[in-house]
Structure formats: C-alpha cells, structure tokens
C-alpha atoms as a PDB file:
ATOM      1  CA  MET A   1       0.156  -0.051  -0.217  1.00  0.00           C
ATOM      2  CA  LYS A   2       2.861   2.049   0.864  1.00  0.00           C
ATOM      3  CA  LYS A   3       4.256   2.110  -2.399  1.00  0.00           C
ATOM      4  CA  PHE A   4       0.741   2.549  -4.183  1.00  0.00           C
ATOM      5  CA  LEU A   5       0.626   6.112  -2.142  1.00  0.00           C
ATOM      6  CA  VAL A   6       4.111   6.763  -3.431  1.00  0.00           C
ATOM      7  CA  ILE A   7       3.640   6.308  -6.841  1.00  0.00           C
ATOM      8  CA  SER A   8       0.170   8.196  -7.105  1.00  0.00           C
ATOM      9  CA  SER A   9       2.124  11.171  -5.240  1.00  0.00           C
ATOM     10  CA  LEU A  10       4.613  11.196  -7.544  1.00  0.00           C
ATOM     11  CA  LEU A  11       1.880  11.344 -10.548  1.00  0.00           C
ATOM     12  CA  ALA A  12      -0.074  13.894  -9.095  1.00  0.00           C
ATOM     13  CA  LEU A  13       2.929  16.064  -8.966  1.00  0.00           C
ATOM     14  CA  VAL A  14       3.862  15.703 -12.894  1.00  0.00           C
ATOM     15  CA  SER A  15      -0.072  16.116 -13.823  1.00  0.00           C
ATOM     16  CA  SER A  16      -0.127  19.314 -12.115  1.00  0.00           C
ATOM     17  CA  GLN A  17       2.471  21.227 -13.693  1.00  0.00           C
ATOM     18  CA  ALA A  18       1.253  24.249 -15.822  1.00  0.00           C
ATOM     19  CA  PHE A  19       2.604  25.117 -19.135  1.00  0.00           C
ATOM     20  CA  ALA A  20       1.885  28.510 -21.061  1.00  0.00           C
ATOM     21  CA  ALA A  21       2.559  29.840 -24.374  1.00  0.00           C
ATOM     22  CA  VAL A  22       2.470  33.604 -25.073  1.00  0.00           C
ATOM     23  CA  GLY A  23       1.028  35.369 -28.213  1.00  0.00           C
ATOM     24  CA  THR A  24       1.508  38.777 -30.063  1.00  0.00           C
ATOM     25  CA  ALA A  25      -1.607  41.050 -31.095  1.00  0.00           C
ATOM     26  CA  ASN A  26      -0.724  42.967 -33.999  1.00  0.00           C
ATOM     27  CA  VAL A  27      -2.575  45.735 -36.336  1.00  0.00           C
ATOM     28  CA  ARG A  28      -1.347  48.305 -38.804  1.00  0.00           C
ATOM     29  CA  ILE A  29      -3.610  51.467 -39.195  1.00  0.00           C
ATOM     30  CA  VAL A  30      -3.854  52.849 -42.854  1.00  0.00           C
ATOM     31  CA  THR A  31      -4.864  56.138 -44.426  1.00  0.00           C
ATOM     32  CA  PRO A  32      -8.735  55.404 -45.052  1.00  0.00           C
ATOM     33  CA  LEU A  33      -9.646  54.497 -48.871  1.00  0.00           C
ATOM     34  CA  SER A  34     -11.867  57.271 -50.203  1.00  0.00           C
ATOM     35  CA  ILE A  35     -13.303  57.760 -53.842  1.00  0.00           C
ATOM     36  CA  GLY A  36     -14.478  61.199 -55.628  1.00  0.00           C
ATOM     37  CA  THR A  37     -15.782  62.872 -58.782  1.00  0.00           C
ATOM     38  CA  VAL A  38     -13.365  65.395 -60.158  1.00  0.00           C
ATOM     39  CA  SER A  39     -15.006  65.732 -63.681  1.00  0.00           C
ATOM     40  CA  ASN A  40     -17.901  64.222 -65.562  1.00  0.00           C
ATOM     41  CA  ILE A  41     -17.974  63.081 -69.281  1.00  0.00           C
ATOM     42  CA  GLU A  42     -18.872  65.880 -71.540  1.00  0.00           C
ATOM     43  CA  PHE A  43     -19.423  65.332 -75.130  1.00  0.00           C
ATOM     44  CA  GLY A  44     -20.136  68.403 -75.891  1.00  0.00           C
ATOM     45  CA  THR A  45     -23.496  69.321 -78.318  1.00  0.00           C
ATOM     46  CA  ILE A  46     -23.613  67.325 -82.033  1.00  0.00           C
ATOM     47  CA  ALA A  47     -25.499  68.220 -84.805  1.00  0.00           C
ATOM     48  CA  THR A  48     -26.552  64.937 -86.600  1.00  0.00           C
ATOM     49  CA  ALA A  49     -27.168  64.620 -90.451  1.00  0.00           C
ATOM     50  CA  GLY A  50     -29.087  60.875 -90.336  1.00  0.00           C
ATOM     51  CA  THR A  51     -26.464  59.186 -90.313  1.00  0.00           C
ATOM     52  CA  ALA A  52     -24.912  56.979 -87.325  1.00  0.00           C
ATOM     53  CA  GLY A  53     -21.555  57.675 -86.035  1.00  0.00           C
ATOM     54  CA  THR A  54     -19.178  58.267 -82.797  1.00  0.00           C
ATOM     55  CA  VAL A  55     -17.572  60.675 -80.657  1.00  0.00           C
ATOM     56  CA  THR A  56     -14.737  59.232 -79.196  1.00  0.00           C
ATOM     57  CA  ILE A  57     -12.880  60.753 -75.644  1.00  0.00           C
ATOM     58  CA  SER A  58      -9.786  59.166 -74.492  1.00  0.00           C
ATOM     59  CA  THR A  59      -8.843  58.993 -70.830  1.00  0.00           C
ATOM     60  CA  ALA A  60      -6.836  61.646 -70.617  1.00  0.00           C
ATOM     61  CA  GLY A  61      -9.140  63.805 -72.529  1.00  0.00           C
ATOM     62  CA  VAL A  62      -8.210  63.654 -76.237  1.00  0.00           C
ATOM     63  CA  VAL A  63     -11.567  63.872 -78.350  1.00  0.00           C
ATOM     64  CA  SER A  64     -12.691  62.668 -81.844  1.00  0.00           C
ATOM     65  CA  GLY A  65     -15.375  62.640 -83.973  1.00  0.00           C
ATOM     66  CA  PRO A  66     -18.315  62.755 -84.287  1.00  0.00           C
ATOM     67  CA  THR A  67     -17.676  60.384 -87.588  1.00  0.00           C
ATOM     68  CA  GLY A  68     -20.624  59.727 -89.529  1.00  0.00           C
ATOM     69  CA  ALA A  69     -21.263  61.870 -93.088  1.00  0.00           C
ATOM     70  CA  GLY A  70     -22.433  65.046 -92.151  1.00  0.00           C
ATOM     71  CA  ASN A  71     -22.720  64.935 -88.390  1.00  0.00           C
ATOM     72  CA  THR A  72     -20.643  67.768 -86.763  1.00  0.00           C
ATOM     73  CA  LEU A  73     -19.492  69.300 -83.311  1.00  0.00           C
ATOM     74  CA  VAL A  74     -21.407  72.794 -82.832  1.00  0.00           C
ATOM     75  CA  THR A  75     -19.287  75.330 -81.865  1.00  0.00           C
ATOM     76  CA  GLY A  76     -20.539  77.458 -78.709  1.00  0.00           C
ATOM     77  CA  GLY A  77     -21.527  74.207 -77.062  1.00  0.00           C
ATOM     78  CA  ALA A  78     -20.364  72.576 -73.699  1.00  0.00           C
ATOM     79  CA  ALA A  79     -16.209  71.851 -74.177  1.00  0.00           C
ATOM     80  CA  ARG A  80     -15.737  68.089 -74.298  1.00  0.00           C
ATOM     81  CA  ALA A  81     -13.676  66.530 -71.641  1.00  0.00           C
ATOM     82  CA  ALA A  82     -13.114  63.285 -70.382  1.00  0.00           C
ATOM     83  CA  GLY A  83     -14.430  62.095 -66.579  1.00  0.00           C
ATOM     84  CA  SER A  84     -12.273  61.518 -63.719  1.00  0.00           C
ATOM     85  CA  PHE A  85     -12.220  60.455 -60.294  1.00  0.00           C
ATOM     86  CA  THR A  86      -9.416  60.435 -57.379  1.00  0.00           C
ATOM     87  CA  ILE A  87      -9.112  57.674 -55.394  1.00  0.00           C
ATOM     88  CA  SER A  88      -6.897  58.502 -52.377  1.00  0.00           C
ATOM     89  CA  ALA A  89      -5.676  55.648 -49.721  1.00  0.00           C
ATOM     90  CA  GLU A  90      -2.171  54.234 -48.263  1.00  0.00           C
ATOM     91  CA  GLY A  91       0.522  54.490 -50.576  1.00  0.00           C
ATOM     92  CA  GLY A  92       1.906  51.154 -51.973  1.00  0.00           C
ATOM     93  CA  ALA A  93      -1.471  49.904 -50.560  1.00  0.00           C
ATOM     94  CA  THR A  94      -3.844  47.289 -53.013  1.00  0.00           C
ATOM     95  CA  TYR A  95      -7.414  47.799 -53.556  1.00  0.00           C
ATOM     96  CA  THR A  96     -10.537  46.382 -55.495  1.00  0.00           C
ATOM     97  CA  SER A  97     -12.597  48.383 -57.935  1.00  0.00           C
ATOM     98  CA  SER A  98     -15.417  47.719 -59.913  1.00  0.00           C
ATOM     99  CA  PHE A  99     -16.304  50.188 -63.276  1.00  0.00           C
ATOM    100  CA  ALA A 100     -19.144  50.701 -65.369  1.00  0.00           C
ATOM    101  CA  PRO A 101     -18.147  49.230 -68.772  1.00  0.00           C
ATOM    102  CA  THR A 102     -21.178  51.194 -70.152  1.00  0.00           C
ATOM    103  CA  VAL A 103     -23.460  54.079 -69.652  1.00  0.00           C
ATOM    104  CA  THR A 104     -26.959  54.801 -71.071  1.00  0.00           C
ATOM    105  CA  LEU A 105     -27.934  58.506 -71.928  1.00  0.00           C
ATOM    106  CA  ASN A 106     -31.449  58.717 -71.601  1.00  0.00           C
ATOM    107  CA  ARG A 107     -33.446  61.999 -72.982  1.00  0.00           C
ATOM    108  CA  ALA A 108     -36.586  63.287 -71.325  1.00  0.00           C
ATOM    109  CA  GLY A 109     -39.281  62.252 -73.544  1.00  0.00           C
ATOM    110  CA  GLY A 110     -37.799  58.926 -74.841  1.00  0.00           C
ATOM    111  CA  GLY A 111     -34.342  58.020 -76.844  1.00  0.00           C
ATOM    112  CA  THR A 112     -31.459  56.553 -75.510  1.00  0.00           C
ATOM    113  CA  MET A 113     -27.879  56.322 -76.759  1.00  0.00           C
ATOM    114  CA  THR A 114     -24.953  54.153 -75.312  1.00  0.00           C
ATOM    115  CA  ALA A 115     -21.014  55.467 -74.327  1.00  0.00           C
ATOM    116  CA  ASN A 116     -18.915  52.260 -73.914  1.00  0.00           C
ATOM    117  CA  LEU A 117     -16.874  53.291 -71.263  1.00  0.00           C
ATOM    118  CA  SER A 118     -12.452  53.263 -70.277  1.00  0.00           C
ATOM    119  CA  TYR A 119     -10.221  53.948 -67.297  1.00  0.00           C
ATOM    120  CA  ALA A 120      -6.787  54.158 -66.969  1.00  0.00           C
ATOM    121  CA  VAL A 121      -4.288  56.135 -63.989  1.00  0.00           C
ATOM    122  CA  THR A 122      -3.819  59.470 -65.773  1.00  0.00           C
ATOM    123  CA  ALA A 123      -1.868  60.955 -62.145  1.00  0.00           C
ATOM    124  CA  GLY A 124      -0.677  59.688 -59.111  1.00  0.00           C
ATOM    125  CA  GLY A 125       1.315  56.505 -60.070  1.00  0.00           C
ATOM    126  CA  GLY A 126       0.459  53.166 -59.446  1.00  0.00           C
ATOM    127  CA  SER A 127      -2.006  51.231 -61.636  1.00  0.00           C
ATOM    128  CA  ILE A 128      -5.382  50.596 -60.855  1.00  0.00           C
ATOM    129  CA  GLY A 129      -6.311  48.509 -58.237  1.00  0.00           C
ATOM    130  CA  THR A 130      -2.630  49.803 -56.517  1.00  0.00           C
ATOM    131  CA  MET A 131      -1.710  52.740 -55.327  1.00  0.00           C
ATOM    132  CA  GLY A 132       1.384  54.806 -56.384  1.00  0.00           C
ATOM    133  CA  GLY A 133       3.269  56.479 -53.329  1.00  0.00           C
ATOM    134  CA  THR A 134       5.123  54.718 -50.165  1.00  0.00           C
ATOM    135  CA  ALA A 135       3.678  53.019 -47.129  1.00  0.00           C
ATOM    136  CA  GLY A 136       2.855  54.612 -44.048  1.00  0.00           C
ATOM    137  CA  THR A 137       1.680  57.997 -46.048  1.00  0.00           C
ATOM    138  CA  GLY A 138      -1.090  58.620 -48.053  1.00  0.00           C
ATOM    139  CA  THR A 139      -1.455  59.141 -51.828  1.00  0.00           C
ATOM    140  CA  THR A 140      -3.735  59.993 -54.544  1.00  0.00           C
ATOM    141  CA  GLN A 141      -4.531  58.544 -57.647  1.00  0.00           C
ATOM    142  CA  THR A 142      -6.620  60.064 -60.722  1.00  0.00           C
ATOM    143  CA  ILE A 143      -8.455  57.755 -62.565  1.00  0.00           C
ATOM    144  CA  GLY A 144      -9.588  58.970 -65.930  1.00  0.00           C
ATOM    145  CA  VAL A 145     -12.852  57.768 -67.875  1.00  0.00           C
ATOM    146  CA  GLY A 146     -12.985  57.475 -71.638  1.00  0.00           C
ATOM    147  CA  ALA A 147     -15.913  56.775 -73.882  1.00  0.00           C
ATOM    148  CA  VAL A 148     -17.159  56.478 -77.431  1.00  0.00           C
ATOM    149  CA  LEU A 149     -20.517  57.628 -77.637  1.00  0.00           C
ATOM    150  CA  ASN A 150     -22.757  55.636 -80.173  1.00  0.00           C
ATOM    151  CA  ILE A 151     -25.015  58.298 -82.245  1.00  0.00           C
ATOM    152  CA  GLY A 152     -28.080  56.679 -83.749  1.00  0.00           C
ATOM    153  CA  ALA A 153     -28.788  57.315 -87.377  1.00  0.00           C
ATOM    154  CA  SER A 154     -32.245  58.734 -86.257  1.00  0.00           C
ATOM    155  CA  GLN A 155     -31.243  60.175 -83.204  1.00  0.00           C
ATOM    156  CA  THR A 156     -34.110  61.961 -81.760  1.00  0.00           C
ATOM    157  CA  THR A 157     -32.871  65.870 -80.814  1.00  0.00           C
ATOM    158  CA  GLY A 158     -32.491  66.903 -77.193  1.00  0.00           C
ATOM    159  CA  ASN A 159     -30.498  66.384 -74.236  1.00  0.00           C
ATOM    160  CA  TYR A 160     -29.259  63.016 -73.026  1.00  0.00           C
ATOM    161  CA  THR A 161     -27.795  62.325 -69.710  1.00  0.00           C
ATOM    162  CA  GLY A 162     -26.667  59.218 -67.533  1.00  0.00           C
ATOM    163  CA  THR A 163     -24.926  58.132 -64.542  1.00  0.00           C
ATOM    164  CA  TYR A 164     -22.503  55.397 -64.066  1.00  0.00           C
ATOM    165  CA  THR A 165     -20.767  53.910 -60.965  1.00  0.00           C
ATOM    166  CA  VAL A 166     -16.937  53.735 -59.762  1.00  0.00           C
ATOM    167  CA  THR A 167     -16.438  51.981 -56.851  1.00  0.00           C
ATOM    168  CA  ALA A 168     -13.042  51.356 -54.643  1.00  0.00           C
ATOM    169  CA  ASN A 169     -12.124  49.406 -51.210  1.00  0.00           C
ATOM    170  CA  TYR A 170      -9.375  47.781 -49.572  1.00  0.00           C
END
C-alpha cells in the first residue's frame, strides 16, 4: 500500500505542472480609402445628319469625332472632356475596384444613347488596383474615364444624360 501511495503522489506532482505559451496581438492602421468625382464626361453639342457615328474621348481627354457623314460638332457648345475620379488611400496599398463598362444616356420624353467606357490611371502613379507612393503615407490617384458615344442614324434631338458608378475599397 505504501508503494501505491508513493507512486500516486509522484503522478499527482507530474500531472499538476502548468505549461504556458505567449501570443502576440498586432494591428496596422492605414489611411482610409476614399473616392470622389473630379469631372464628368462631356460630349459637347452635336448636329446629326441622319447617319450613325461616334464621338470618342480618351481617358486623357483627347477627343475625336463625331464620325458619320454630315455629323458635326456645334461650336459654342459645352467643352468636351473625359471624366475623372480621385482615389485616396495608403501609399503602395492594393484595393479592389469595379467600373461600369457602359453608360446609357436617356432623353426626357424618350430616346437613349449608349457610351462604352474605358478607365486608366492618369495621375498619381501606380495602376488601377495598386496605389503609387510609399506605405505609411497617404497618396492620391486620378482615374481618367474615356468613352465612345454611339450616335444613332435617326437620333432624336434633345439633351441626354446618364450616370455610371465607380467603386473602390480595401
């Protein structure tokens, strides 16, 4: 019986030892991401002559057209321009984005036109999805929005407008 008590006591001592491990908690705070509209796409004022055509505006704002026999740009109308957005975020950070591929322009009273959209970083460095700059500092990118407006052969006269959405987040 004495042997049993000695062995039981030894087992109790061994099983009552505590072991510990240490963990670490970490966090990195970065510049919040924001996006804002700088300028809207403006195709100007166009006189159509009953033929289909296009007006093209590059992401850098270079304009060509209208194409289509007899279609002309009316002088004195609104200045034609590419659209643009700024994205502000942590330098060197990556982000996800989504860009509308087209915009439908509607006329009050009926009638539509479609423009195919394109996007490119035009200032601030980096590429779409990756900010330029250095980690630990905030930076801003400008995203240019180009478009090809499709003018119908029998496009109804009037003012056309439409909206498109650009989103970005970490």
